[in-house]
C-alpha atoms as a PDB file:
ATOM      1  CA  MET A   1       5.040 -61.508  58.234  1.00  0.00           C
ATOM      2  CA  ARG A   2       4.368 -64.989  57.266  1.00  0.00           C
ATOM      3  CA  ARG A   3       1.644 -66.367  54.671  1.00  0.00           C
ATOM      4  CA  THR A   4       0.884 -69.767  53.097  1.00  0.00           C
ATOM      5  CA  THR A   5       2.036 -70.109  49.497  1.00  0.00           C
ATOM      6  CA  PRO A   6       2.463 -72.588  46.922  1.00  0.00           C
ATOM      7  CA  LEU A   7       5.820 -71.417  46.026  1.00  0.00           C
ATOM      8  CA  LEU A   8       7.804 -73.781  47.895  1.00  0.00           C
ATOM      9  CA  ALA A   9       6.429 -76.656  45.784  1.00  0.00           C
ATOM     10  CA  VAL A  10       7.593 -74.808  42.657  1.00  0.00           C
ATOM     11  CA  LEU A  11      11.119 -74.322  44.094  1.00  0.00           C
ATOM     12  CA  VAL A  12      11.855 -77.856  45.306  1.00  0.00           C
ATOM     13  CA  GLY A  13       9.377 -79.813  43.290  1.00  0.00           C
ATOM     14  CA  SER A  14       7.586 -81.217  46.107  1.00  0.00           C
ATOM     15  CA  THR A  15       4.728 -79.915  48.362  1.00  0.00           C
ATOM     16  CA  LEU A  16       5.844 -79.013  51.850  1.00  0.00           C
ATOM     17  CA  ALA A  17       3.321 -78.033  54.781  1.00  0.00           C
ATOM     18  CA  LEU A  18       4.210 -74.928  56.319  1.00  0.00           C
ATOM     19  CA  THR A  19       4.252 -75.556  60.280  1.00  0.00           C
ATOM     20  CA  ALA A  20       5.225 -73.665  63.313  1.00  0.00           C
ATOM     21  CA  CYS A  21       6.560 -75.398  66.335  1.00  0.00           C
ATOM     22  CA  GLY A  22       5.322 -75.817  69.748  1.00  0.00           C
ATOM     23  CA  ALA A  23       3.648 -72.906  71.342  1.00  0.00           C
ATOM     24  CA  ASP A  24       4.760 -70.683  68.270  1.00  0.00           C
ATOM     25  CA  SER A  25       1.881 -72.257  66.289  1.00  0.00           C
ATOM     26  CA  ALA A  26      -0.619 -70.136  68.174  1.00  0.00           C
ATOM     27  CA  ALA A  27       0.607 -66.938  67.012  1.00  0.00           C
ATOM     28  CA  GLN A  28      -1.179 -65.312  64.122  1.00  0.00           C
ATOM     29  CA  PRO A  29       1.343 -64.973  61.112  1.00  0.00           C
ATOM     30  CA  GLY A  30       2.569 -61.625  60.828  1.00  0.00           C
ATOM     31  CA  ASP A  31       1.419 -60.430  64.215  1.00  0.00           C
ATOM     32  CA  GLY A  32       4.796 -61.138  65.756  1.00  0.00           C
ATOM     33  CA  THR A  33       5.088 -63.372  68.777  1.00  0.00           C
ATOM     34  CA  GLY A  34       6.750 -61.193  71.169  1.00  0.00           C
ATOM     35  CA  GLU A  35       9.444 -63.928  71.282  1.00  0.00           C
ATOM     36  CA  THR A  36      12.960 -63.869  70.044  1.00  0.00           C
ATOM     37  CA  VAL A  37      15.245 -66.386  68.318  1.00  0.00           C
ATOM     38  CA  THR A  38      19.012 -66.483  67.976  1.00  0.00           C
ATOM     39  CA  VAL A  39      20.733 -66.816  64.584  1.00  0.00           C
ATOM     40  CA  THR A  40      24.448 -66.568  63.583  1.00  0.00           C
ATOM     41  CA  ASP A  41      25.229 -63.357  61.480  1.00  0.00           C
ATOM     42  CA  ALA A  42      27.660 -62.990  58.805  1.00  0.00           C
ATOM     43  CA  SER A  43      30.607 -62.253  61.273  1.00  0.00           C
ATOM     44  CA  GLY A  44      29.775 -65.492  62.929  1.00  0.00           C
ATOM     45  CA  ALA A  45      28.177 -63.756  66.130  1.00  0.00           C
ATOM     46  CA  GLN A  46      24.987 -64.931  67.765  1.00  0.00           C
ATOM     47  CA  VAL A  47      22.451 -62.250  67.343  1.00  0.00           C
ATOM     48  CA  GLU A  48      19.030 -62.213  68.980  1.00  0.00           C
ATOM     49  CA  VAL A  49      16.147 -61.014  66.849  1.00  0.00           C
ATOM     50  CA  PRO A  50      12.342 -60.959  67.107  1.00  0.00           C
ATOM     51  CA  LEU A  51      10.702 -64.369  66.196  1.00  0.00           C
ATOM     52  CA  ASP A  52       8.201 -64.218  63.212  1.00  0.00           C
ATOM     53  CA  PRO A  53       8.435 -60.321  63.071  1.00  0.00           C
ATOM     54  CA  GLY A  54       5.518 -58.447  61.786  1.00  0.00           C
ATOM     55  CA  VAL A  55       7.099 -55.684  59.368  1.00  0.00           C
ATOM     56  CA  VAL A  56      10.205 -57.133  57.659  1.00  0.00           C
ATOM     57  CA  VAL A  57      12.453 -55.076  55.356  1.00  0.00           C
ATOM     58  CA  THR A  58      15.543 -56.439  53.304  1.00  0.00           C
ATOM     59  CA  THR A  59      18.093 -54.699  51.168  1.00  0.00           C
ATOM     60  CA  ASP A  60      19.351 -57.965  49.657  1.00  0.00           C
ATOM     61  CA  TRP A  61      17.857 -59.971  46.918  1.00  0.00           C
ATOM     62  CA  SER A  62      19.200 -63.359  48.047  1.00  0.00           C
ATOM     63  CA  VAL A  63      17.465 -62.772  51.250  1.00  0.00           C
ATOM     64  CA  ALA A  64      14.330 -61.502  49.409  1.00  0.00           C
ATOM     65  CA  ARG A  65      14.377 -64.724  47.085  1.00  0.00           C
ATOM     66  CA  THR A  66      14.746 -66.994  50.010  1.00  0.00           C
ATOM     67  CA  LEU A  67      12.158 -65.589  52.244  1.00  0.00           C
ATOM     68  CA  ASN A  68       9.629 -65.200  49.387  1.00  0.00           C
ATOM     69  CA  ASP A  69       9.987 -68.689  48.372  1.00  0.00           C
ATOM     70  CA  LEU A  70       9.454 -69.801  52.077  1.00  0.00           C
ATOM     71  CA  GLY A  71       6.198 -67.910  52.068  1.00  0.00           C
ATOM     72  CA  VAL A  72       7.390 -64.836  54.134  1.00  0.00           C
ATOM     73  CA  GLU A  73       5.678 -61.594  53.357  1.00  0.00           C
ATOM     74  CA  LEU A  74       7.977 -58.815  52.996  1.00  0.00           C
ATOM     75  CA  ASP A  75       7.254 -55.218  53.267  1.00  0.00           C
ATOM     76  CA  GLY A  76      10.211 -53.436  51.865  1.00  0.00           C
ATOM     77  CA  VAL A  77      12.742 -54.738  49.135  1.00  0.00           C
ATOM     78  CA  PRO A  78      15.456 -53.241  46.992  1.00  0.00           C
ATOM     79  CA  ALA A  79      14.461 -51.574  43.646  1.00  0.00           C
ATOM     80  CA  ALA A  80      14.985 -54.007  40.772  1.00  0.00           C
ATOM     81  CA  THR A  81      17.409 -52.784  38.118  1.00  0.00           C
ATOM     82  CA  ALA A  82      16.061 -55.391  35.626  1.00  0.00           C
ATOM     83  CA  GLY A  83      13.213 -58.062  35.594  1.00  0.00           C
ATOM     84  CA  LEU A  84      12.555 -60.384  38.341  1.00  0.00           C
ATOM     85  CA  PRO A  85      12.273 -64.142  38.082  1.00  0.00           C
ATOM     86  CA  ASP A  86       8.783 -65.790  37.839  1.00  0.00           C
ATOM     87  CA  ASP A  87       8.912 -67.004  41.525  1.00  0.00           C
ATOM     88  CA  MET A  88       9.418 -63.601  42.655  1.00  0.00           C
ATOM     89  CA  ALA A  89       6.736 -61.732  40.561  1.00  0.00           C
ATOM     90  CA  ASP A  90       4.543 -60.747  43.419  1.00  0.00           C
ATOM     91  CA  LEU A  91       7.420 -58.824  45.028  1.00  0.00           C
ATOM     92  CA  ALA A  92       6.936 -56.178  42.207  1.00  0.00           C
ATOM     93  CA  ASP A  93       4.267 -54.480  44.145  1.00  0.00           C
ATOM     94  CA  VAL A  94       6.296 -54.332  47.411  1.00  0.00           C
ATOM     95  CA  PRO A  95       7.704 -50.756  48.419  1.00  0.00           C
ATOM     96  CA  THR A  96      11.074 -50.442  47.318  1.00  0.00           C
ATOM     97  CA  VAL A  97      13.906 -49.138  49.824  1.00  0.00           C
ATOM     98  CA  GLY A  98      16.621 -47.760  47.651  1.00  0.00           C
ATOM     99  CA  SER A  99      19.254 -49.998  45.910  1.00  0.00           C
ATOM    100  CA  VAL A 100      21.241 -52.918  47.329  1.00  0.00           C
ATOM    101  CA  ARG A 101      24.163 -50.642  47.690  1.00  0.00           C
ATOM    102  CA  GLU A 102      22.514 -47.327  48.746  1.00  0.00           C
ATOM    103  CA  PRO A 103      19.482 -48.087  50.815  1.00  0.00           C
ATOM    104  CA  ASP A 104      16.857 -45.415  51.038  1.00  0.00           C
ATOM    105  CA  PHE A 105      17.020 -45.083  54.841  1.00  0.00           C
ATOM    106  CA  GLU A 106      14.185 -42.569  54.968  1.00  0.00           C
ATOM    107  CA  ALA A 107      11.828 -45.026  53.038  1.00  0.00           C
ATOM    108  CA  ILE A 108      12.932 -47.770  55.421  1.00  0.00           C
ATOM    109  CA  SER A 109      12.253 -45.673  58.486  1.00  0.00           C
ATOM    110  CA  ALA A 110       8.780 -44.688  57.345  1.00  0.00           C
ATOM    111  CA  LEU A 111       7.764 -48.312  57.203  1.00  0.00           C
ATOM    112  CA  GLU A 112       8.685 -48.835  60.739  1.00  0.00           C
ATOM    113  CA  PRO A 113      10.156 -52.208  60.441  1.00  0.00           C
ATOM    114  CA  ASP A 114      10.322 -54.882  63.226  1.00  0.00           C
ATOM    115  CA  LEU A 115      13.384 -56.371  61.494  1.00  0.00           C
ATOM    116  CA  VAL A 116      15.763 -55.214  58.917  1.00  0.00           C
ATOM    117  CA  ILE A 117      17.872 -57.799  57.101  1.00  0.00           C
ATOM    118  CA  VAL A 118      20.968 -56.870  55.237  1.00  0.00           C
ATOM    119  CA  ALA A 119      23.354 -58.826  53.301  1.00  0.00           C
ATOM    120  CA  SER A 120      26.036 -58.859  50.723  1.00  0.00           C
ATOM    121  CA  ARG A 121      26.406 -55.449  48.820  1.00  0.00           C
ATOM    122  CA  SER A 122      24.413 -53.724  51.649  1.00  0.00           C
ATOM    123  CA  GLY A 123      26.253 -55.870  54.383  1.00  0.00           C
ATOM    124  CA  THR A 124      28.603 -53.063  55.367  1.00  0.00           C
ATOM    125  CA  PRO A 125      29.379 -51.682  58.900  1.00  0.00           C
ATOM    126  CA  GLU A 126      28.275 -48.435  57.603  1.00  0.00           C
ATOM    127  CA  ILE A 127      24.927 -49.300  56.442  1.00  0.00           C
ATOM    128  CA  VAL A 128      24.296 -51.468  59.489  1.00  0.00           C
ATOM    129  CA  ALA A 129      25.029 -48.475  61.740  1.00  0.00           C
ATOM    130  CA  GLU A 130      22.583 -46.293  59.796  1.00  0.00           C
ATOM    131  CA  MET A 131      19.842 -48.985  59.986  1.00  0.00           C
ATOM    132  CA  LYS A 132      20.428 -49.253  63.661  1.00  0.00           C
ATOM    133  CA  LYS A 133      19.237 -45.835  64.076  1.00  0.00           C
ATOM    134  CA  ILE A 134      15.840 -46.906  62.603  1.00  0.00           C
ATOM    135  CA  THR A 135      15.536 -49.970  64.625  1.00  0.00           C
ATOM    136  CA  PRO A 136      17.885 -52.067  66.864  1.00  0.00           C
ATOM    137  CA  ASP A 137      16.711 -55.278  65.335  1.00  0.00           C
ATOM    138  CA  VAL A 138      19.184 -55.506  62.203  1.00  0.00           C
ATOM    139  CA  VAL A 139      20.948 -58.395  61.199  1.00  0.00           C
ATOM    140  CA  ASP A 140      23.493 -59.039  58.460  1.00  0.00           C
ATOM    141  CA  MET A 141      22.888 -62.489  56.731  1.00  0.00           C
ATOM    142  CA  SER A 142      25.603 -62.146  53.987  1.00  0.00           C
ATOM    143  CA  ALA A 143      26.857 -65.622  53.029  1.00  0.00           C
ATOM    144  CA  ARG A 144      30.726 -65.062  53.098  1.00  0.00           C
ATOM    145  CA  TRP A 145      33.367 -67.909  52.971  1.00  0.00           C
ATOM    146  CA  GLU A 146      37.191 -68.088  53.277  1.00  0.00           C
ATOM    147  CA  ASP A 147      37.522 -71.372  51.594  1.00  0.00           C
ATOM    148  CA  PRO A 148      35.613 -71.521  48.286  1.00  0.00           C
ATOM    149  CA  ALA A 149      34.933 -75.200  49.262  1.00  0.00           C
ATOM    150  CA  ASP A 150      32.667 -73.725  51.920  1.00  0.00           C
ATOM    151  CA  GLN A 151      30.236 -72.035  49.696  1.00  0.00           C
ATOM    152  CA  LEU A 152      27.388 -74.282  49.703  1.00  0.00           C
ATOM    153  CA  THR A 153      27.805 -75.011  53.382  1.00  0.00           C
ATOM    154  CA  THR A 154      27.854 -71.307  54.139  1.00  0.00           C
ATOM    155  CA  ILE A 155      24.623 -70.446  52.023  1.00  0.00           C
ATOM    156  CA  GLY A 156      22.853 -73.431  53.610  1.00  0.00           C
ATOM    157  CA  GLU A 157      23.567 -72.103  57.154  1.00  0.00           C
ATOM    158  CA  ARG A 158      22.420 -68.588  56.098  1.00  0.00           C
ATOM    159  CA  VAL A 159      19.177 -69.887  54.485  1.00  0.00           C
ATOM    160  CA  VAL A 160      18.288 -72.193  57.491  1.00  0.00           C
ATOM    161  CA  ASP A 161      18.853 -69.251  59.758  1.00  0.00           C
ATOM    162  CA  LEU A 162      16.686 -67.078  57.891  1.00  0.00           C
ATOM    163  CA  GLY A 163      13.936 -69.939  58.091  1.00  0.00           C
ATOM    164  CA  ARG A 164      14.456 -70.223  61.744  1.00  0.00           C
ATOM    165  CA  ILE A 165      13.660 -66.503  62.430  1.00  0.00           C
ATOM    166  CA  PHE A 166      10.074 -67.223  60.843  1.00  0.00           C
ATOM    167  CA  GLY A 167       9.543 -70.704  62.483  1.00  0.00           C
ATOM    168  CA  LEU A 168      10.333 -72.263  58.898  1.00  0.00           C
ATOM    169  CA  GLU A 169      13.703 -73.754  59.752  1.00  0.00           C
ATOM    170  CA  ASP A 170      12.524 -77.328  58.652  1.00  0.00           C
ATOM    171  CA  GLU A 171      11.397 -76.014  55.486  1.00  0.00           C
ATOM    172  CA  ALA A 172      14.373 -73.871  54.651  1.00  0.00           C
ATOM    173  CA  ARG A 173      16.668 -77.061  55.378  1.00  0.00           C
ATOM    174  CA  ALA A 174      14.488 -79.206  53.042  1.00  0.00           C
ATOM    175  CA  GLN A 175      15.013 -76.750  50.235  1.00  0.00           C
ATOM    176  CA  MET A 176      18.790 -76.791  50.833  1.00  0.00           C
ATOM    177  CA  ASP A 177      19.064 -80.389  51.118  1.00  0.00           C
ATOM    178  CA  GLU A 178      17.306 -80.927  47.915  1.00  0.00           C
ATOM    179  CA  VAL A 179      19.296 -78.455  45.757  1.00  0.00           C
ATOM    180  CA  THR A 180      22.714 -79.685  47.429  1.00  0.00           C
ATOM    181  CA  ALA A 181      21.593 -83.190  46.274  1.00  0.00           C
ATOM    182  CA  ASP A 182      21.102 -81.961  42.823  1.00  0.00           C
ATOM    183  CA  VAL A 183      24.376 -80.214  42.740  1.00  0.00           C
ATOM    184  CA  GLU A 184      26.193 -83.529  43.836  1.00  0.00           C
ATOM    185  CA  ALA A 185      24.443 -85.431  41.103  1.00  0.00           C
ATOM    186  CA  VAL A 186      25.797 -82.969  38.463  1.00  0.00           C
ATOM    187  CA  ARG A 187      29.162 -83.137  40.038  1.00  0.00           C
ATOM    188  CA  GLU A 188      29.250 -86.816  39.866  1.00  0.00           C
ATOM    189  CA  GLN A 189      28.356 -86.652  36.162  1.00  0.00           C
ATOM    190  CA  VAL A 190      30.864 -84.004  35.378  1.00  0.00           C
ATOM    191  CA  THR A 191      33.940 -85.514  37.188  1.00  0.00           C
ATOM    192  CA  ALA A 192      33.325 -88.683  35.448  1.00  0.00           C
ATOM    193  CA  ALA A 193      33.384 -86.979  32.035  1.00  0.00           C
ATOM    194  CA  GLY A 194      36.618 -85.002  33.035  1.00  0.00           C
ATOM    195  CA  ASP A 195      35.520 -81.798  31.225  1.00  0.00           C
ATOM    196  CA  THR A 196      37.019 -78.436  31.569  1.00  0.00           C
ATOM    197  CA  ALA A 197      35.211 -75.367  31.872  1.00  0.00           C
ATOM    198  CA  MET A 198      35.723 -71.434  31.676  1.00  0.00           C
ATOM    199  CA  PHE A 199      33.349 -69.010  33.319  1.00  0.00           C
ATOM    200  CA  VAL A 200      33.370 -65.643  31.655  1.00  0.00           C
ATOM    201  CA  GLN A 201      31.467 -62.397  32.288  1.00  0.00           C
ATOM    202  CA  VAL A 202      30.565 -59.849  29.613  1.00  0.00           C
ATOM    203  CA  SER A 203      30.027 -56.396  30.566  1.00  0.00           C
ATOM    204  CA  GLY A 204      29.683 -53.504  28.255  1.00  0.00           C
ATOM    205  CA  GLY A 205      31.601 -55.527  25.745  1.00  0.00           C
ATOM    206  CA  THR A 206      34.568 -56.318  27.869  1.00  0.00           C
ATOM    207  CA  VAL A 207      35.084 -60.089  28.524  1.00  0.00           C
ATOM    208  CA  SER A 208      36.479 -61.187  31.919  1.00  0.00           C
ATOM    209  CA  ALA A 209      37.375 -64.793  33.034  1.00  0.00           C
ATOM    210  CA  TYR A 210      36.869 -66.323  36.270  1.00  0.00           C
ATOM    211  CA  GLY A 211      38.680 -69.383  37.750  1.00  0.00           C
ATOM    212  CA  PRO A 212      38.677 -71.686  40.799  1.00  0.00           C
ATOM    213  CA  GLY A 213      38.272 -69.688  44.076  1.00  0.00           C
ATOM    214  CA  SER A 214      36.639 -66.694  42.350  1.00  0.00           C
ATOM    215  CA  ARG A 215      32.962 -65.599  43.005  1.00  0.00           C
ATOM    216  CA  PHE A 216      31.967 -68.061  40.169  1.00  0.00           C
ATOM    217  CA  GLY A 217      34.247 -70.776  41.425  1.00  0.00           C
ATOM    218  CA  ILE A 218      31.221 -72.972  42.240  1.00  0.00           C
ATOM    219  CA  VAL A 219      31.614 -74.188  38.629  1.00  0.00           C
ATOM    220  CA  HIS A 220      34.729 -75.934  39.811  1.00  0.00           C
ATOM    221  CA  GLU A 221      34.568 -76.367  43.538  1.00  0.00           C
ATOM    222  CA  ASP A 222      30.961 -77.633  43.560  1.00  0.00           C
ATOM    223  CA  PHE A 223      29.738 -78.682  40.130  1.00  0.00           C
ATOM    224  CA  GLY A 224      33.285 -80.398  39.550  1.00  0.00           C
ATOM    225  CA  PHE A 225      34.556 -78.979  36.317  1.00  0.00           C
ATOM    226  CA  ALA A 226      38.255 -78.976  35.933  1.00  0.00           C
ATOM    227  CA  ASP A 227      40.192 -75.860  35.522  1.00  0.00           C
ATOM    228  CA  THR A 228      41.742 -75.153  32.007  1.00  0.00           C
ATOM    229  CA  GLY A 229      45.087 -74.128  33.614  1.00  0.00           C
ATOM    230  CA  ALA A 230      44.504 -70.451  32.447  1.00  0.00           C
ATOM    231  CA  PRO A 231      46.392 -68.107  34.908  1.00  0.00           C
ATOM    232  CA  VAL A 232      43.265 -66.107  35.978  1.00  0.00           C
ATOM    233  CA  ASP A 233      43.530 -63.706  39.062  1.00  0.00           C
ATOM    234  CA  THR A 234      40.909 -64.838  41.638  1.00  0.00           C
ATOM    235  CA  GLU A 235      41.349 -61.891  43.985  1.00  0.00           C
ATOM    236  CA  ASP A 236      39.536 -59.446  41.701  1.00  0.00           C
ATOM    237  CA  ALA A 237      35.648 -59.485  41.899  1.00  0.00           C
ATOM    238  CA  HIS A 238      35.432 -58.206  38.537  1.00  0.00           C
ATOM    239  CA  GLY A 239      37.499 -61.103  37.250  1.00  0.00           C
ATOM    240  CA  GLN A 240      40.496 -60.762  34.798  1.00  0.00           C
ATOM    241  CA  GLU A 241      39.823 -58.878  31.516  1.00  0.00           C
ATOM    242  CA  ILE A 242      40.816 -61.238  28.682  1.00  0.00           C
ATOM    243  CA  SER A 243      41.223 -61.159  24.803  1.00  0.00           C
ATOM    244  CA  GLN A 244      39.388 -63.508  22.427  1.00  0.00           C
ATOM    245  CA  GLU A 245      42.735 -65.267  21.864  1.00  0.00           C
ATOM    246  CA  PHE A 246      42.432 -66.574  25.679  1.00  0.00           C
ATOM    247  CA  PHE A 247      39.639 -68.981  24.553  1.00  0.00           C
ATOM    248  CA  THR A 248      41.807 -70.549  21.774  1.00  0.00           C
ATOM    249  CA  ARG A 249      44.837 -70.786  23.898  1.00  0.00           C
ATOM    250  CA  TYR A 250      43.086 -72.641  26.677  1.00  0.00           C
ATOM    251  CA  ASP A 251      40.238 -74.282  24.695  1.00  0.00           C
ATOM    252  CA  PRO A 252      37.723 -75.266  27.341  1.00  0.00           C
ATOM    253  CA  ASP A 253      35.275 -78.056  26.914  1.00  0.00           C
ATOM    254  CA  VAL A 254      32.381 -75.845  28.201  1.00  0.00           C
ATOM    255  CA  ILE A 255      32.125 -72.018  28.264  1.00  0.00           C
ATOM    256  CA  TYR A 256      29.452 -70.386  30.738  1.00  0.00           C
ATOM    257  CA  VAL A 257      28.579 -66.854  30.043  1.00  0.00           C
ATOM    258  CA  LEU A 258      27.260 -64.208  32.289  1.00  0.00           C
ATOM    259  CA  ASP A 259      25.769 -61.071  30.530  1.00  0.00           C
ATOM    260  CA  ARG A 260      26.296 -58.664  33.349  1.00  0.00           C
ATOM    261  CA  SER A 261      24.986 -55.695  31.458  1.00  0.00           C
ATOM    262  CA  GLN A 262      21.618 -57.673  30.904  1.00  0.00           C
ATOM    263  CA  ALA A 263      21.608 -58.620  34.636  1.00  0.00           C
ATOM    264  CA  ILE A 264      21.630 -55.075  35.891  1.00  0.00           C
ATOM    265  CA  GLY A 265      19.470 -53.461  33.284  1.00  0.00           C
ATOM    266  CA  GLU A 266      22.187 -51.832  31.120  1.00  0.00           C
ATOM    267  CA  GLU A 267      21.888 -51.277  27.532  1.00  0.00           C
ATOM    268  CA  ALA A 268      24.949 -53.238  25.860  1.00  0.00           C
ATOM    269  CA  GLN A 269      25.592 -55.461  23.081  1.00  0.00           C
ATOM    270  CA  ALA A 270      24.521 -58.955  23.875  1.00  0.00           C
ATOM    271  CA  ALA A 271      27.058 -61.201  25.635  1.00  0.00           C
ATOM    272  CA  LEU A 272      26.731 -63.973  23.020  1.00  0.00           C
ATOM    273  CA  GLU A 273      27.194 -61.528  20.241  1.00  0.00           C
ATOM    274  CA  VAL A 274      30.448 -60.300  21.645  1.00  0.00           C
ATOM    275  CA  LEU A 275      31.676 -63.807  21.759  1.00  0.00           C
ATOM    276  CA  ASP A 276      30.463 -64.607  18.223  1.00  0.00           C
ATOM    277  CA  ASN A 277      33.616 -64.427  16.315  1.00  0.00           C
ATOM    278  CA  GLY A 278      36.113 -66.496  14.500  1.00  0.00           C
ATOM    279  CA  LEU A 279      38.330 -67.200  17.353  1.00  0.00           C
ATOM    280  CA  VAL A 280      35.739 -68.273  19.921  1.00  0.00           C
ATOM    281  CA  ASP A 281      34.032 -70.281  17.203  1.00  0.00           C
ATOM    282  CA  THR A 282      37.268 -72.492  16.934  1.00  0.00           C
ATOM    283  CA  THR A 283      36.913 -73.792  20.440  1.00  0.00           C
ATOM    284  CA  LYS A 284      35.902 -77.144  21.440  1.00  0.00           C
ATOM    285  CA  ALA A 285      32.998 -75.684  23.494  1.00  0.00           C
ATOM    286  CA  ALA A 286      31.624 -73.956  20.243  1.00  0.00           C
ATOM    287  CA  ALA A 287      32.091 -77.083  18.032  1.00  0.00           C
ATOM    288  CA  ASP A 288      30.076 -79.288  20.330  1.00  0.00           C
ATOM    289  CA  GLY A 289      27.538 -76.464  21.092  1.00  0.00           C
ATOM    290  CA  ARG A 290      28.506 -76.145  24.762  1.00  0.00           C
ATOM    291  CA  ILE A 291      28.649 -72.275  25.172  1.00  0.00           C
ATOM    292  CA  VAL A 292      25.719 -71.671  27.580  1.00  0.00           C
ATOM    293  CA  GLN A 293      24.407 -68.296  28.721  1.00  0.00           C
ATOM    294  CA  VAL A 294      23.541 -68.597  32.472  1.00  0.00           C
ATOM    295  CA  ASP A 295      20.726 -66.724  34.263  1.00  0.00           C
ATOM    296  CA  GLY A 296      22.146 -63.291  35.361  1.00  0.00           C
ATOM    297  CA  PHE A 297      19.730 -62.788  38.480  1.00  0.00           C
ATOM    298  CA  SER A 298      20.786 -66.164  39.897  1.00  0.00           C
ATOM    299  CA  TRP A 299      24.394 -66.005  39.245  1.00  0.00           C
ATOM    300  CA  TYR A 300      25.042 -62.320  39.841  1.00  0.00           C
ATOM    301  CA  ILE A 301      22.220 -60.651  41.784  1.00  0.00           C
ATOM    302  CA  ALA A 302      21.026 -63.274  44.057  1.00  0.00           C
ATOM    303  CA  ASN A 303      23.418 -66.254  44.296  1.00  0.00           C
ATOM    304  CA  ALA A 304      22.854 -67.286  47.804  1.00  0.00           C
ATOM    305  CA  ALA A 305      19.213 -68.315  47.802  1.00  0.00           C
ATOM    306  CA  PRO A 306      18.095 -72.040  47.055  1.00  0.00           C
ATOM    307  CA  ALA A 307      16.061 -70.944  43.969  1.00  0.00           C
ATOM    308  CA  SER A 308      19.110 -69.471  42.497  1.00  0.00           C
ATOM    309  CA  LEU A 309      21.099 -72.584  43.179  1.00  0.00           C
ATOM    310  CA  ALA A 310      18.401 -74.449  41.575  1.00  0.00           C
ATOM    311  CA  GLN A 311      18.655 -72.384  38.517  1.00  0.00           C
ATOM    312  CA  MET A 312      22.425 -72.744  38.597  1.00  0.00           C
ATOM    313  CA  VAL A 313      21.853 -76.605  38.237  1.00  0.00           C
ATOM    314  CA  LYS A 314      19.735 -76.079  35.359  1.00  0.00           C
ATOM    315  CA  ASP A 315      22.321 -73.815  33.542  1.00  0.00           C
ATOM    316  CA  VAL A 316      25.164 -76.071  34.311  1.00  0.00           C
ATOM    317  CA  GLU A 317      23.176 -79.215  33.069  1.00  0.00           C
ATOM    318  CA  ARG A 318      22.499 -77.531  29.640  1.00  0.00           C
ATOM    319  CA  ALA A 319      26.165 -78.145  28.597  1.00  0.00           C
ATOM    320  CA  LEU A 320      26.120 -81.724  29.758  1.00  0.00           C
END
């Protein structure tokens, strides 16, 4: 269901007119056109889905943020475990359909959706199979990549396809083009300085490091920070647990910190408090005031949305 909204201007910093193409413009937003459109799903398959469907449910926050900022009205979203960003405040009143890992199939069925969009944590064969018992129109729009260097490109493809479903392909592409240019501008600044960075996650007091090729490898692959040379396992989605001595041994110029507990709404000691000790304080990053806590929603909950990438740019810039 589509609506006109000023959120696009907030996201990309310019006012974009929401338009439909050709004969589609005659259809009333949200009524469904009766037509279909072909998009590429997470497996690379071409999937036919309704064009501008009326009742839309998603079980993924990257999809929800992308569509909400494009002006698409959603009829079902996951339950938020922590607060939502300002650009998603209006989604607080949308019916919830379970968690991102455990959708409430009964609640989804009750909404009689015209299209269900799964992705990421909910983009599993088992969940898709259950969704197809509710409606045949289910699409997995997970952003997955084999080569870490393909992360931005893959996210962009998914975002544009999401826009295509609602006749908003040009608007979606404009958002990705702008944020990609912003990433490249930061990359030029970072590579010129030659700084090293370490990305760490703090969860319940446990500190884990991530390196190039990991889920947070965008710090290196796209923003251009050099690796510290620390032997970090990139295969484990939860990172490699490290001690405080790890920071002094590899002494990064910049430390980016994700508070996972805060991001998922769990009570725990704050991430920066965990790191506030004598050893971390001896690093170059601490001495130069370049330890930055990043936005948990954008980096951990919904990393594959243009607004999330825009927030990543802001977070990275805070250490420059």
